[in-house]
Amino acid sequence: MLFNPILISLSENDKRLIFALLIVIILVIVLVGYLSFLLVKLMKWQARKADTLIHDVVVTKVITNKRHLINYGRKKNWALFFKQAYIPLIIIAVGVAVLLIRDAVYNDYSYNPFSVENGFGSIFWTWKLSDEFIGGDLIKFNKIVVDNYPHFVAEGWAGYIVAPCFLVGGAWYLVVAASLLARTIKIQVRSREVFEKSLDGYTQSETNVNTQVNQNNVDNNV
């Protein structure tokens, strides 16, 4: 096979590196696929929510045209958006307030709340590329070494509050915004399904034939 000479020429370090890279790539693909699956589920769930918003006015025929349905659905949709969005916006606002207070107290407006040195990043492992190389003759990479071990820093108190507020509030707001988009699309689709007339599959010849058959039936009955 074509790959046999290549595999034979690889050193043990090269083979281990290739295997590790494949594992990382597979994990990334799985993570992206899982996040995509969750996003699709969210969009479908919120699309069903749109039906709930406009169901009663459609079945009771309170709304009788496409434009009216779109306008009504838009108002209900945005009302639900504001109802869902105010909590994450409050969380983000708390983070901004804490950051401004910290900057005013320390007279430092360049502070990064996610910093590894004195921010939220200090409680996580971080890695960096060293000047050393690992691998064989064919494949070489800079060696990855630990740059930071999890620890708390007294000066990072603001980062421990601000960063979670930004992360949680931002992710929550993105979910709410995606939900708004899903409901908007669904309302547009429903407005076409309910009120637009379609001639798909219609032919004049079939109509003439059906009309002639019906007329013959009437004549025969008479």
Protein backbone atom coordinates (compact mmCIF):
# COMPACT_ATOMS: atom_id res chain seq x y z
CA MET A 1 0.00 0.00 0.00
CA LEU A 2 1.02 3.63 -0.53
CA PHE A 3 1.20 4.47 3.18
CA ASN A 4 3.32 1.50 4.20
CA PRO A 5 6.70 3.03 3.17
CA ILE A 6 5.74 6.30 4.86
CA LEU A 7 4.70 4.57 8.08
CA ILE A 8 7.88 2.50 8.09
CA SER A 9 10.02 5.64 7.68
CA LEU A 10 8.36 7.36 10.63
CA SER A 11 10.04 7.24 14.00
CA GLU A 12 8.17 6.18 17.12
CA ASN A 13 7.91 9.83 18.19
CA ASP A 14 6.41 10.77 14.82
CA LYS A 15 3.82 8.00 15.11
CA ARG A 16 2.87 9.09 18.63
CA LEU A 17 2.51 12.70 17.50
CA ILE A 18 0.34 11.74 14.55
CA PHE A 19 -1.85 9.60 16.80
CA ALA A 20 -2.19 12.44 19.33
CA LEU A 21 -3.12 14.91 16.58
CA LEU A 22 -5.77 12.53 15.24
CA ILE A 23 -7.27 12.20 18.72
CA VAL A 24 -7.40 15.99 19.09
CA ILE A 25 -9.02 16.41 15.67
CA ILE A 26 -11.63 13.76 16.47
CA LEU A 27 -12.45 15.42 19.79
CA VAL A 28 -12.84 18.80 18.11
CA ILE A 29 -15.15 17.33 15.45
CA VAL A 30 -17.25 15.61 18.14
CA LEU A 31 -17.50 18.82 20.17
CA VAL A 32 -18.51 20.90 17.15
CA GLY A 33 -21.05 18.27 16.14
CA TYR A 34 -22.55 18.15 19.64
CA LEU A 35 -22.81 21.95 19.82
CA SER A 36 -24.44 22.00 16.37
CA PHE A 37 -26.92 19.35 17.52
CA LEU A 38 -27.84 21.44 20.57
CA LEU A 39 -28.27 24.54 18.40
CA VAL A 40 -30.59 22.68 16.01
CA LYS A 41 -32.66 21.37 18.94
CA LEU A 42 -32.91 24.90 20.34
CA MET A 43 -34.02 26.32 17.00
CA LYS A 44 -36.69 23.62 16.57
CA TRP A 45 -37.97 24.11 20.12
CA GLN A 46 -38.25 27.86 19.69
CA ALA A 47 -39.93 27.39 16.31
CA ARG A 48 -42.66 25.43 18.07
CA LYS A 49 -42.87 28.28 20.57
CA ALA A 50 -43.76 30.59 17.67
CA ASP A 51 -46.80 28.43 16.91
CA THR A 52 -47.94 28.91 20.50
CA LEU A 53 -47.67 32.69 20.13
CA ILE A 54 -49.93 32.92 17.07
CA HIS A 55 -52.09 29.81 17.39
CA ASP A 56 -55.21 31.30 19.00
CA VAL A 57 -55.56 34.32 16.70
CA VAL A 58 -55.19 32.10 13.63
CA VAL A 59 -57.65 29.32 14.55
CA THR A 60 -60.25 31.82 15.78
CA LYS A 61 -59.79 33.85 12.56
CA VAL A 62 -59.13 37.06 14.47
CA ILE A 63 -56.35 37.63 11.92
CA THR A 64 -57.41 37.28 8.31
CA ASN A 65 -54.38 38.21 6.20
CA LYS A 66 -50.67 37.56 5.93
CA ARG A 67 -49.44 41.06 6.78
CA HIS A 68 -51.57 41.25 9.90
CA LEU A 69 -50.26 37.89 11.07
CA ILE A 70 -46.62 38.92 10.53
CA ASN A 71 -47.11 42.18 12.43
CA TYR A 72 -48.89 40.45 15.29
CA GLY A 73 -46.30 37.68 15.45
CA ARG A 74 -43.44 40.21 15.40
CA LYS A 75 -44.89 42.10 18.36
CA LYS A 76 -45.43 38.93 20.39
CA ASN A 77 -42.00 37.63 19.42
CA TRP A 78 -40.15 40.77 20.50
CA ALA A 79 -42.16 40.96 23.71
CA LEU A 80 -41.02 37.43 24.55
CA PHE A 81 -37.44 38.35 23.59
CA PHE A 82 -37.34 41.30 26.00
CA LYS A 83 -38.86 39.12 28.71
CA GLN A 84 -36.12 36.50 28.22
CA ALA A 85 -33.23 38.91 27.62
CA TYR A 86 -33.44 41.19 30.65
CA ILE A 87 -31.87 38.66 33.05
CA PRO A 88 -28.68 38.05 31.01
CA LEU A 89 -28.44 41.80 30.35
CA ILE A 90 -28.62 42.46 34.09
CA ILE A 91 -25.85 39.89 34.67
CA ILE A 92 -23.68 41.61 32.05
CA ALA A 93 -24.48 45.01 33.58
CA VAL A 94 -23.34 43.76 37.00
CA GLY A 95 -20.05 42.67 35.45
CA VAL A 96 -19.59 46.07 33.80
CA ALA A 97 -20.36 47.87 37.07
CA VAL A 98 -17.83 45.79 39.03
CA LEU A 99 -15.20 46.38 36.35
CA LEU A 100 -15.75 50.14 36.40
CA ILE A 101 -15.56 50.20 40.19
CA ARG A 102 -12.32 48.23 40.13
CA ASP A 103 -10.80 50.50 37.47
CA ALA A 104 -11.78 53.60 39.44
CA VAL A 105 -10.35 52.25 42.71
CA TYR A 106 -7.02 51.24 41.17
CA ASN A 107 -7.01 54.04 38.58
CA ASP A 108 -6.26 51.39 35.97
CA TYR A 109 -8.52 51.31 32.92
CA SER A 110 -6.46 48.78 30.98
CA TYR A 111 -7.30 45.85 33.26
CA ASN A 112 -8.14 42.57 31.54
CA PRO A 113 -10.58 40.53 33.68
CA PHE A 114 -9.59 37.37 31.80
CA SER A 115 -5.87 37.83 32.51
CA VAL A 116 -3.81 34.86 33.68
CA GLU A 117 -1.62 37.04 35.90
CA ASN A 118 -4.31 38.89 37.88
CA GLY A 119 -7.67 37.85 36.49
CA PHE A 120 -10.05 34.99 35.92
CA GLY A 121 -7.52 33.08 33.85
CA SER A 122 -5.36 32.47 36.92
CA ILE A 123 -7.66 29.65 38.10
CA PHE A 124 -7.11 27.62 34.91
CA TRP A 125 -4.27 25.63 33.46
CA THR A 126 -2.67 27.38 30.52
CA TRP A 127 0.02 26.17 28.14
CA LYS A 128 2.57 27.79 25.87
CA LEU A 129 5.06 26.72 23.20
CA SER A 130 8.66 26.47 24.37
CA ASP A 131 11.85 26.77 22.33
CA GLU A 132 12.36 23.02 22.58
CA PHE A 133 11.25 20.72 19.77
CA ILE A 134 9.71 17.27 19.97
CA GLY A 135 9.21 14.70 17.25
CA GLY A 136 11.32 12.83 14.77
CA ASP A 137 13.15 13.75 11.62
CA LEU A 138 9.98 14.08 9.53
CA ILE A 139 7.65 15.87 11.92
CA LYS A 140 8.71 18.38 14.56
CA PHE A 141 6.70 20.61 16.87
CA ASN A 142 7.51 23.12 19.51
CA LYS A 143 7.17 21.49 22.88
CA ILE A 144 4.08 22.52 24.82
CA VAL A 145 4.72 23.32 28.48
CA VAL A 146 2.47 24.43 31.34
CA ASP A 147 2.45 28.20 31.63
CA ASN A 148 0.11 28.53 34.62
CA TYR A 149 -1.23 26.29 37.36
CA PRO A 150 -4.63 27.10 38.91
CA HIS A 151 -4.26 29.54 41.79
CA PHE A 152 -6.01 32.56 43.26
CA VAL A 153 -4.59 36.07 43.20
CA ALA A 154 -5.83 38.72 45.63
CA GLU A 155 -5.60 41.41 42.95
CA GLY A 156 -7.79 39.34 40.69
CA TRP A 157 -10.95 39.62 42.80
CA ALA A 158 -12.69 41.73 40.16
CA GLY A 159 -11.84 39.29 37.39
CA TYR A 160 -13.40 36.43 39.37
CA ILE A 161 -16.69 38.34 39.31
CA VAL A 162 -16.56 40.16 35.99
CA ALA A 163 -15.45 37.29 33.73
CA PRO A 164 -18.19 34.83 34.85
CA CYS A 165 -20.77 37.59 34.46
CA PHE A 166 -19.60 38.27 30.91
CA LEU A 167 -19.38 34.57 30.00
CA VAL A 168 -22.70 33.49 31.51
CA GLY A 169 -24.59 36.62 30.51
CA GLY A 170 -23.12 36.61 27.00
CA ALA A 171 -23.87 32.94 26.36
CA TRP A 172 -27.39 33.32 27.76
CA TYR A 173 -28.03 36.38 25.58
CA LEU A 174 -26.80 34.54 22.46
CA VAL A 175 -29.26 31.71 23.18
CA VAL A 176 -32.08 34.23 23.57
CA ALA A 177 -31.07 35.99 20.32
CA ALA A 178 -30.95 32.66 18.46
CA SER A 179 -34.42 31.88 19.81
CA LEU A 180 -35.70 35.21 18.51
CA LEU A 181 -34.34 34.39 15.05
CA ALA A 182 -35.88 30.90 15.06
CA ARG A 183 -39.31 32.25 15.99
CA THR A 184 -39.06 35.01 13.37
CA ILE A 185 -38.35 32.47 10.63
CA LYS A 186 -41.20 30.23 11.80
CA ILE A 187 -43.70 33.10 11.83
CA GLN A 188 -42.75 33.99 8.26
CA VAL A 189 -43.22 30.37 7.19
CA ARG A 190 -46.59 30.10 8.94
CA SER A 191 -47.82 33.32 7.35
CA ARG A 192 -47.19 31.83 3.91
CA GLU A 193 -48.69 28.45 4.78
CA VAL A 194 -51.87 29.90 6.25
CA PHE A 195 -52.72 32.70 3.86
CA GLU A 196 -50.86 32.31 0.57
CA LYS A 197 -52.62 30.46 -2.23
CA SER A 198 -50.57 28.09 -4.33
CA LEU A 199 -50.94 26.73 -7.86
CA ASP A 200 -48.34 24.00 -7.40
CA GLY A 201 -49.46 20.96 -9.39
CA TYR A 202 -52.42 22.81 -10.91
CA THR A 203 -53.09 22.53 -14.67
CA GLN A 204 -55.92 24.09 -16.63
CA SER A 205 -56.50 20.90 -18.63
CA GLU A 206 -57.19 18.86 -15.49
CA THR A 207 -59.66 21.49 -14.35
CA ASN A 208 -61.47 21.39 -17.71
CA VAL A 209 -61.67 17.60 -17.58
CA ASN A 210 -63.03 17.62 -14.02
CA THR A 211 -65.56 20.29 -14.96
CA GLN A 212 -66.76 18.28 -17.99
CA VAL A 213 -67.11 15.12 -15.89
CA ASN A 214 -69.11 16.96 -13.27
CA GLN A 215 -71.35 18.49 -15.93
CA ASN A 216 -71.98 15.03 -17.48
CA ASN A 217 -72.90 13.67 -14.06
CA VAL A 218 -75.39 16.49 -13.58
CA ASP A 219 -76.92 15.88 -17.03
CA ASN A 220 -77.25 12.17 -16.37
CA ASN A 221 -78.93 12.77 -13.05
CA VAL A 222 -81.39 15.09 -14.68
